[in-house]
Amino acid sequence: MRMWMIDPKLLCKKHLLGEHNEIHKHKHSFEKKHSIKGRIHPIVQIQPSAMKSRHDELAMEMVARNMNHKSPYIMPTLDYLSEDEKNIKVNIEYNINDLKNRCPECKAILDTHLQ
């Protein structure tokens, strides 16, 4: 999974929950100061500096869909990362096309709302 960074309202349940879980998974990696090189090259899959704000967006959408959310996110320090690594951004247009090719449910939602 990855951080899609697409409006959470446009994600199917599977990808909404998957991105939420991915953010929690990476918190542990950041706390352990693991390298993120494989997550930012050749394709940028995560946005480290956006983890907290993205988590909160996803959590709000989960609650709006009457899903349980009981896992707050406290942003770990990213001081061990270079400025480029901390502030790297995913390509949302690439992610939209990738998600459309992976998931028929997301494709239907995206095609309806992104015309």
Protein backbone atom coordinates (compact mmCIF):
# COMPACT_ATOMS: atom_id res chain seq x y z
CA MET A 1 0.00 0.00 0.00
CA ARG A 2 0.92 3.63 -0.25
CA MET A 3 -0.26 7.08 0.60
CA TRP A 4 -2.60 7.81 -2.28
CA MET A 5 -3.11 11.45 -1.20
CA ILE A 6 -6.37 11.47 -3.16
CA ASP A 7 -9.43 13.04 -1.53
CA PRO A 8 -10.44 10.33 1.00
CA LYS A 9 -14.08 10.61 -0.12
CA LEU A 10 -12.97 9.19 -3.48
CA LEU A 11 -11.40 6.01 -2.06
CA CYS A 12 -13.22 2.70 -1.71
CA LYS A 13 -13.35 1.24 1.80
CA LYS A 14 -10.42 -1.09 1.14
CA HIS A 15 -8.10 1.68 -0.01
CA LEU A 16 -9.27 4.12 2.67
CA LEU A 17 -8.48 1.59 5.41
CA GLY A 18 -5.31 0.45 3.66
CA GLU A 19 -3.86 3.94 3.51
CA HIS A 20 -4.79 4.51 7.15
CA ASN A 21 -3.02 1.31 8.16
CA GLU A 22 0.00 2.20 6.04
CA ILE A 23 0.42 5.46 7.92
CA HIS A 24 0.41 3.63 11.26
CA LYS A 25 2.89 1.08 9.88
CA HIS A 26 5.30 3.81 8.86
CA LYS A 27 5.15 5.44 12.28
CA HIS A 28 7.01 2.45 13.67
CA SER A 29 9.53 2.65 10.81
CA PHE A 30 10.16 6.33 11.53
CA GLU A 31 10.57 5.66 15.25
CA LYS A 32 13.14 2.97 14.42
CA LYS A 33 14.81 5.38 11.94
CA HIS A 34 14.49 2.97 9.03
CA SER A 35 15.46 4.07 5.55
CA ILE A 36 12.62 5.19 3.30
CA LYS A 37 14.61 4.98 0.07
CA GLY A 38 12.54 2.06 -1.22
CA ARG A 39 9.36 4.03 -0.61
CA ILE A 40 10.46 7.13 -2.50
CA HIS A 41 12.37 5.61 -5.41
CA PRO A 42 11.63 4.77 -8.19
CA ILE A 43 8.07 5.87 -7.34
CA VAL A 44 7.24 8.18 -4.45
CA GLN A 45 4.77 6.21 -2.34
CA ILE A 46 4.79 8.19 0.92
CA GLN A 47 4.89 11.81 2.08
CA PRO A 48 6.60 11.74 5.47
CA SER A 49 5.83 15.32 6.49
CA ALA A 50 2.13 14.79 5.69
CA MET A 51 1.62 11.67 7.81
CA LYS A 52 -0.29 13.36 10.66
CA SER A 53 -2.51 15.59 8.53
CA ARG A 54 -3.26 12.74 6.12
CA HIS A 55 -4.04 10.37 8.99
CA ASP A 56 -6.50 12.88 10.37
CA GLU A 57 -8.19 13.33 6.95
CA LEU A 58 -8.56 9.58 6.58
CA ALA A 59 -9.86 9.20 10.15
CA MET A 60 -12.50 11.89 9.56
CA GLU A 61 -13.67 10.08 6.43
CA MET A 62 -13.76 6.77 8.30
CA VAL A 63 -15.98 8.32 10.97
CA ALA A 64 -18.17 9.93 8.27
CA ARG A 65 -18.69 6.42 6.86
CA ASN A 66 -19.66 5.11 10.30
CA MET A 67 -16.44 3.14 10.70
CA ASN A 68 -14.67 2.92 14.03
CA HIS A 69 -11.52 4.94 14.50
CA LYS A 70 -9.69 4.53 17.77
CA SER A 71 -6.06 4.92 16.74
CA PRO A 72 -4.80 8.48 17.16
CA TYR A 73 -1.58 9.37 15.40
CA ILE A 74 1.26 11.18 17.09
CA MET A 75 3.81 12.37 14.57
CA PRO A 76 7.26 10.92 15.27
CA THR A 77 10.37 12.97 14.72
CA LEU A 78 11.66 12.89 11.17
CA ASP A 79 14.95 14.56 12.08
CA TYR A 80 16.99 11.63 10.78
CA LEU A 81 15.66 12.15 7.24
CA SER A 82 17.16 14.61 4.79
CA GLU A 83 15.04 17.67 3.97
CA ASP A 84 14.34 16.19 0.51
CA GLU A 85 13.14 12.91 2.05
CA LYS A 86 10.98 14.67 4.66
CA ASN A 87 9.29 16.93 2.14
CA ILE A 88 8.97 14.66 -0.89
CA LYS A 89 5.52 14.58 -2.51
CA VAL A 90 3.65 11.81 -4.28
CA ASN A 91 2.36 12.41 -7.78
CA ILE A 92 -1.39 12.48 -7.24
CA GLU A 93 -2.21 12.26 -10.96
CA TYR A 94 -0.03 9.14 -11.25
CA ASN A 95 -1.73 7.68 -8.17
CA ILE A 96 -5.21 8.35 -9.57
CA ASN A 97 -4.35 6.47 -12.77
CA ASP A 98 -2.66 3.66 -10.83
CA LEU A 99 -5.63 3.28 -8.49
CA LYS A 100 -8.07 3.24 -11.43
CA ASN A 101 -6.09 0.34 -12.93
CA ARG A 102 -5.97 -1.57 -9.63
CA CYS A 103 -9.46 -1.21 -8.25
CA PRO A 104 -12.75 -1.26 -10.17
CA GLU A 105 -14.59 0.26 -7.20
CA CYS A 106 -12.18 3.21 -6.92
CA LYS A 107 -12.26 3.59 -10.72
CA ALA A 108 -16.05 3.95 -10.65
CA ILE A 109 -15.90 6.53 -7.87
CA LEU A 110 -13.04 8.48 -9.47
CA ASP A 111 -14.62 8.44 -12.93
CA THR A 112 -17.86 9.80 -11.49
CA HIS A 113 -16.23 12.61 -9.51
CA LEU A 114 -13.21 13.60 -11.63
CA GLN A 115 -14.76 14.45 -14.95
